Amino acid sequence: MTSETTLSKRYASKRYTRPGPILLLAAFTFILSACGERGTPPSSGSETAAPVAEADAEEAFVEIDLDEYNVLMDAVVPAGPVTLRLANRGFEEHNLLFVVLESDSTVWETETRLSPGERRTVTLDLEAGEYRAVCDFSGHEGRGMLVNFVVEEETPSGGGSDG
């Protein structure tokens, strides 16, 4: 009987207790903060890291998603000041450049590549015309990571007549 009492006391002192709700909440908060967006510091020029401050009410926004191996954006973009909201949704780095189709000249490109998961905003003043958006990093263009789009002057709504 003495040996049973000694064993019970030994196991009773090393009893497993479950972590309390405060400890679980702290661990969960730590994990979520580690998984948050990595913003890059704003670079010189017109590129900035997300989040985006509200732009002028007349300025247009264009969402552009970069993924393996696609550039996803609207086929028609308004001329004039426009804010591009770039998002790398892929697992590889990407860049982006705009080429005027008529002259085959590059009119804009990202200052640095976008890391996976990175978001960035860029403000441009685009002239009307036909363009191509291209990721030319590491052979991505050859894999089809390009798209043509048109920049058009906006017409006032309700001001035209049929004839």
C-alpha atoms as a PDB file:
ATOM      1  CA  MET A   1       0.000   0.000   0.000  1.00  0.00           C
ATOM      2  CA  THR A   2       2.811   2.307   0.646  1.00  0.00           C
ATOM      3  CA  SER A   3       4.146   1.891  -2.896  1.00  0.00           C
ATOM      4  CA  GLU A   4       0.685   2.744  -4.394  1.00  0.00           C
ATOM      5  CA  THR A   5       0.456   5.907  -2.346  1.00  0.00           C
ATOM      6  CA  THR A   6       3.949   6.979  -3.441  1.00  0.00           C
ATOM      7  CA  LEU A   7       3.135   6.377  -7.141  1.00  0.00           C
ATOM      8  CA  SER A   8      -0.142   8.330  -6.945  1.00  0.00           C
ATOM      9  CA  LYS A   9       1.603  11.298  -5.364  1.00  0.00           C
ATOM     10  CA  ARG A  10       4.358  11.269  -7.991  1.00  0.00           C
ATOM     11  CA  TYR A  11       1.915  11.237 -10.944  1.00  0.00           C
ATOM     12  CA  ALA A  12      -0.384  13.760  -9.299  1.00  0.00           C
ATOM     13  CA  SER A  13       2.438  16.305  -9.115  1.00  0.00           C
ATOM     14  CA  LYS A  14       3.231  15.934 -12.841  1.00  0.00           C
ATOM     15  CA  ARG A  15      -0.325  16.268 -14.050  1.00  0.00           C
ATOM     16  CA  TYR A  16      -0.854  17.754 -17.532  1.00  0.00           C
ATOM     17  CA  THR A  17      -2.844  20.977 -17.615  1.00  0.00           C
ATOM     18  CA  ARG A  18      -4.305  22.473 -20.760  1.00  0.00           C
ATOM     19  CA  PRO A  19      -3.180  25.973 -21.717  1.00  0.00           C
ATOM     20  CA  GLY A  20      -5.583  28.679 -20.674  1.00  0.00           C
ATOM     21  CA  PRO A  21      -7.596  30.759 -23.122  1.00  0.00           C
ATOM     22  CA  ILE A  22      -5.329  33.786 -22.613  1.00  0.00           C
ATOM     23  CA  LEU A  23      -2.263  31.794 -23.677  1.00  0.00           C
ATOM     24  CA  LEU A  24      -4.077  30.456 -26.752  1.00  0.00           C
ATOM     25  CA  LEU A  25      -5.271  33.938 -27.706  1.00  0.00           C
ATOM     26  CA  ALA A  26      -1.745  35.336 -27.356  1.00  0.00           C
ATOM     27  CA  ALA A  27      -0.303  32.562 -29.539  1.00  0.00           C
ATOM     28  CA  PHE A  28      -3.017  33.069 -32.176  1.00  0.00           C
ATOM     29  CA  THR A  29      -2.390  36.841 -32.246  1.00  0.00           C
ATOM     30  CA  PHE A  30       1.341  36.269 -32.650  1.00  0.00           C
ATOM     31  CA  ILE A  31       0.788  33.881 -35.567  1.00  0.00           C
ATOM     32  CA  LEU A  32      -1.581  36.292 -37.328  1.00  0.00           C
ATOM     33  CA  SER A  33       0.814  39.205 -36.944  1.00  0.00           C
ATOM     34  CA  ALA A  34       3.612  37.128 -38.457  1.00  0.00           C
ATOM     35  CA  CYS A  35       1.420  36.327 -41.489  1.00  0.00           C
ATOM     36  CA  GLY A  36       0.480  39.947 -42.195  1.00  0.00           C
ATOM     37  CA  GLU A  37       1.300  41.823 -45.404  1.00  0.00           C
ATOM     38  CA  ARG A  38       4.874  42.834 -45.904  1.00  0.00           C
ATOM     39  CA  GLY A  39       4.811  46.370 -47.171  1.00  0.00           C
ATOM     40  CA  THR A  40       7.909  47.748 -48.790  1.00  0.00           C
ATOM     41  CA  PRO A  41       8.850  51.275 -47.902  1.00  0.00           C
ATOM     42  CA  PRO A  42       7.732  53.857 -50.443  1.00  0.00           C
ATOM     43  CA  SER A  43      10.276  54.311 -53.203  1.00  0.00           C
ATOM     44  CA  SER A  44      11.140  57.564 -54.843  1.00  0.00           C
ATOM     45  CA  GLY A  45       8.847  58.697 -57.606  1.00  0.00           C
ATOM     46  CA  SER A  46       5.212  57.815 -57.839  1.00  0.00           C
ATOM     47  CA  GLU A  47       5.263  54.204 -56.608  1.00  0.00           C
ATOM     48  CA  THR A  48       4.116  53.568 -53.052  1.00  0.00           C
ATOM     49  CA  ALA A  49       3.442  50.522 -50.957  1.00  0.00           C
ATOM     50  CA  ALA A  50      -0.096  49.687 -49.807  1.00  0.00           C
ATOM     51  CA  PRO A  51      -2.209  50.882 -48.022  1.00  0.00           C
ATOM     52  CA  VAL A  52      -3.292  53.610 -50.403  1.00  0.00           C
ATOM     53  CA  ALA A  53      -4.313  57.089 -49.367  1.00  0.00           C
ATOM     54  CA  GLU A  54      -7.475  58.341 -51.021  1.00  0.00           C
ATOM     55  CA  ALA A  55      -6.725  59.917 -54.371  1.00  0.00           C
ATOM     56  CA  ASP A  56      -8.326  62.864 -56.082  1.00  0.00           C
ATOM     57  CA  ALA A  57     -12.001  62.234 -56.868  1.00  0.00           C
ATOM     58  CA  GLU A  58     -11.400  62.693 -60.615  1.00  0.00           C
ATOM     59  CA  GLU A  59      -8.576  60.179 -60.709  1.00  0.00           C
ATOM     60  CA  ALA A  60      -9.375  56.721 -62.056  1.00  0.00           C
ATOM     61  CA  PHE A  61      -8.269  53.454 -60.464  1.00  0.00           C
ATOM     62  CA  VAL A  62      -7.181  50.375 -62.375  1.00  0.00           C
ATOM     63  CA  GLU A  63      -6.692  47.027 -60.633  1.00  0.00           C
ATOM     64  CA  ILE A  64      -3.890  44.912 -62.098  1.00  0.00           C
ATOM     65  CA  ASP A  65      -3.245  41.394 -60.800  1.00  0.00           C
ATOM     66  CA  LEU A  66      -0.032  39.596 -61.696  1.00  0.00           C
ATOM     67  CA  ASP A  67      -0.078  35.808 -61.511  1.00  0.00           C
ATOM     68  CA  GLU A  68       1.767  32.953 -63.192  1.00  0.00           C
ATOM     69  CA  TYR A  69       1.660  33.723 -66.161  1.00  0.00           C
ATOM     70  CA  ASN A  70      -1.136  36.247 -66.572  1.00  0.00           C
ATOM     71  CA  VAL A  71      -1.634  39.987 -66.389  1.00  0.00           C
ATOM     72  CA  LEU A  72      -5.249  40.531 -65.347  1.00  0.00           C
ATOM     73  CA  MET A  73      -6.648  44.022 -65.937  1.00  0.00           C
ATOM     74  CA  ASP A  74      -9.426  45.906 -67.712  1.00  0.00           C
ATOM     75  CA  ALA A  75      -9.215  46.003 -71.517  1.00  0.00           C
ATOM     76  CA  VAL A  76     -10.048  49.730 -71.526  1.00  0.00           C
ATOM     77  CA  VAL A  77      -8.358  52.283 -69.277  1.00  0.00           C
ATOM     78  CA  PRO A  78      -9.254  55.997 -69.119  1.00  0.00           C
ATOM     79  CA  ALA A  79      -6.765  58.541 -70.436  1.00  0.00           C
ATOM     80  CA  GLY A  80      -5.256  61.097 -68.089  1.00  0.00           C
ATOM     81  CA  PRO A  81      -4.292  60.636 -64.458  1.00  0.00           C
ATOM     82  CA  VAL A  82      -4.830  57.051 -63.349  1.00  0.00           C
ATOM     83  CA  THR A  83      -3.780  55.141 -60.251  1.00  0.00           C
ATOM     84  CA  LEU A  84      -2.718  51.557 -60.855  1.00  0.00           C
ATOM     85  CA  ARG A  85      -3.240  49.159 -57.982  1.00  0.00           C
ATOM     86  CA  LEU A  86      -0.744  46.380 -58.618  1.00  0.00           C
ATOM     87  CA  ALA A  87      -0.953  43.067 -56.767  1.00  0.00           C
ATOM     88  CA  ASN A  88       1.361  40.102 -57.178  1.00  0.00           C
ATOM     89  CA  ARG A  89      -0.960  37.166 -56.529  1.00  0.00           C
ATOM     90  CA  GLY A  90       1.568  34.585 -57.684  1.00  0.00           C
ATOM     91  CA  PHE A  91       4.414  32.731 -56.054  1.00  0.00           C
ATOM     92  CA  GLU A  92       7.164  34.235 -58.249  1.00  0.00           C
ATOM     93  CA  GLU A  93       8.476  37.783 -58.520  1.00  0.00           C
ATOM     94  CA  HIS A  94       6.982  39.904 -61.311  1.00  0.00           C
ATOM     95  CA  ASN A  95       7.539  43.288 -62.898  1.00  0.00           C
ATOM     96  CA  LEU A  96       5.326  45.255 -65.241  1.00  0.00           C
ATOM     97  CA  LEU A  97       5.936  47.601 -68.117  1.00  0.00           C
ATOM     98  CA  PHE A  98       3.673  49.423 -70.560  1.00  0.00           C
ATOM     99  CA  VAL A  99       4.588  49.491 -74.247  1.00  0.00           C
ATOM    100  CA  VAL A 100       2.919  51.730 -76.840  1.00  0.00           C
ATOM    101  CA  LEU A 101       2.023  49.340 -79.675  1.00  0.00           C
ATOM    102  CA  GLU A 102       2.369  51.878 -82.494  1.00  0.00           C
ATOM    103  CA  SER A 103       5.961  52.809 -81.672  1.00  0.00           C
ATOM    104  CA  ASP A 104       6.981  49.683 -79.708  1.00  0.00           C
ATOM    105  CA  SER A 105       8.389  52.001 -77.038  1.00  0.00           C
ATOM    106  CA  THR A 106       8.263  51.470 -73.297  1.00  0.00           C
ATOM    107  CA  VAL A 107       6.497  54.392 -71.609  1.00  0.00           C
ATOM    108  CA  TRP A 108       6.545  53.085 -68.020  1.00  0.00           C
ATOM    109  CA  GLU A 109       7.828  50.212 -65.926  1.00  0.00           C
ATOM    110  CA  THR A 110       7.968  49.268 -62.250  1.00  0.00           C
ATOM    111  CA  GLU A 111      11.049  50.538 -60.435  1.00  0.00           C
ATOM    112  CA  THR A 112      11.574  47.143 -58.778  1.00  0.00           C
ATOM    113  CA  ARG A 113      10.021  43.696 -59.052  1.00  0.00           C
ATOM    114  CA  LEU A 114       6.986  42.858 -56.938  1.00  0.00           C
ATOM    115  CA  SER A 115       7.544  40.065 -54.450  1.00  0.00           C
ATOM    116  CA  PRO A 116       4.890  37.361 -54.025  1.00  0.00           C
ATOM    117  CA  GLY A 117       1.927  38.834 -52.147  1.00  0.00           C
ATOM    118  CA  GLU A 118       3.155  42.419 -52.525  1.00  0.00           C
ATOM    119  CA  ARG A 119       0.783  45.263 -53.382  1.00  0.00           C
ATOM    120  CA  ARG A 120       1.810  48.614 -54.784  1.00  0.00           C
ATOM    121  CA  THR A 121       0.173  51.724 -56.195  1.00  0.00           C
ATOM    122  CA  VAL A 122       1.460  53.783 -59.082  1.00  0.00           C
ATOM    123  CA  THR A 123       0.088  57.056 -60.422  1.00  0.00           C
ATOM    124  CA  LEU A 124       0.490  57.696 -64.141  1.00  0.00           C
ATOM    125  CA  ASP A 125      -0.777  60.147 -66.738  1.00  0.00           C
ATOM    126  CA  LEU A 126      -1.650  58.015 -69.759  1.00  0.00           C
ATOM    127  CA  GLU A 127      -2.295  59.322 -73.253  1.00  0.00           C
ATOM    128  CA  ALA A 128      -4.954  57.761 -75.475  1.00  0.00           C
ATOM    129  CA  GLY A 129      -3.689  54.874 -77.592  1.00  0.00           C
ATOM    130  CA  GLU A 130      -3.101  51.136 -77.771  1.00  0.00           C
ATOM    131  CA  TYR A 131      -0.750  49.586 -75.232  1.00  0.00           C
ATOM    132  CA  ARG A 132       0.619  46.257 -74.071  1.00  0.00           C
ATOM    133  CA  ALA A 133       1.241  45.412 -70.404  1.00  0.00           C
ATOM    134  CA  VAL A 134       4.141  42.972 -70.070  1.00  0.00           C
ATOM    135  CA  CYS A 135       6.003  41.129 -67.346  1.00  0.00           C
ATOM    136  CA  ASP A 136       9.398  40.536 -68.931  1.00  0.00           C
ATOM    137  CA  PHE A 137      11.077  39.097 -65.840  1.00  0.00           C
ATOM    138  CA  SER A 138      12.767  35.714 -66.214  1.00  0.00           C
ATOM    139  CA  GLY A 139      11.097  34.696 -69.486  1.00  0.00           C
ATOM    140  CA  HIS A 140       7.546  35.383 -68.296  1.00  0.00           C
ATOM    141  CA  GLU A 141       6.695  37.292 -71.497  1.00  0.00           C
ATOM    142  CA  GLY A 142       7.518  34.182 -73.541  1.00  0.00           C
ATOM    143  CA  ARG A 143       5.095  32.211 -71.356  1.00  0.00           C
ATOM    144  CA  GLY A 144       2.268  34.578 -72.265  1.00  0.00           C
ATOM    145  CA  MET A 145       2.425  37.076 -69.408  1.00  0.00           C
ATOM    146  CA  LEU A 146       1.234  40.041 -71.441  1.00  0.00           C
ATOM    147  CA  VAL A 147      -2.040  41.689 -72.376  1.00  0.00           C
ATOM    148  CA  ASN A 148      -3.091  44.429 -74.797  1.00  0.00           C
ATOM    149  CA  PHE A 149      -5.276  47.277 -73.577  1.00  0.00           C
ATOM    150  CA  VAL A 150      -6.643  50.560 -74.902  1.00  0.00           C
ATOM    151  CA  VAL A 151      -6.430  53.944 -73.230  1.00  0.00           C
ATOM    152  CA  GLU A 152      -9.443  56.047 -74.249  1.00  0.00           C
ATOM    153  CA  GLU A 153     -10.527  59.608 -73.605  1.00  0.00           C
ATOM    154  CA  GLU A 154     -13.611  59.627 -71.415  1.00  0.00           C
ATOM    155  CA  THR A 155     -16.678  61.195 -72.961  1.00  0.00           C
ATOM    156  CA  PRO A 156     -19.133  63.118 -70.801  1.00  0.00           C
ATOM    157  CA  SER A 157     -22.228  61.037 -70.136  1.00  0.00           C
ATOM    158  CA  GLY A 158     -25.559  62.236 -71.510  1.00  0.00           C
ATOM    159  CA  GLY A 159     -24.039  65.034 -73.585  1.00  0.00           C
ATOM    160  CA  GLY A 160     -24.084  63.422 -77.020  1.00  0.00           C
ATOM    161  CA  SER A 161     -26.759  63.234 -79.679  1.00  0.00           C
ATOM    162  CA  ASP A 162     -27.542  60.550 -82.178  1.00  0.00           C
ATOM    163  CA  GLY A 163     -27.598  62.692 -85.178  1.00  0.00           C
END
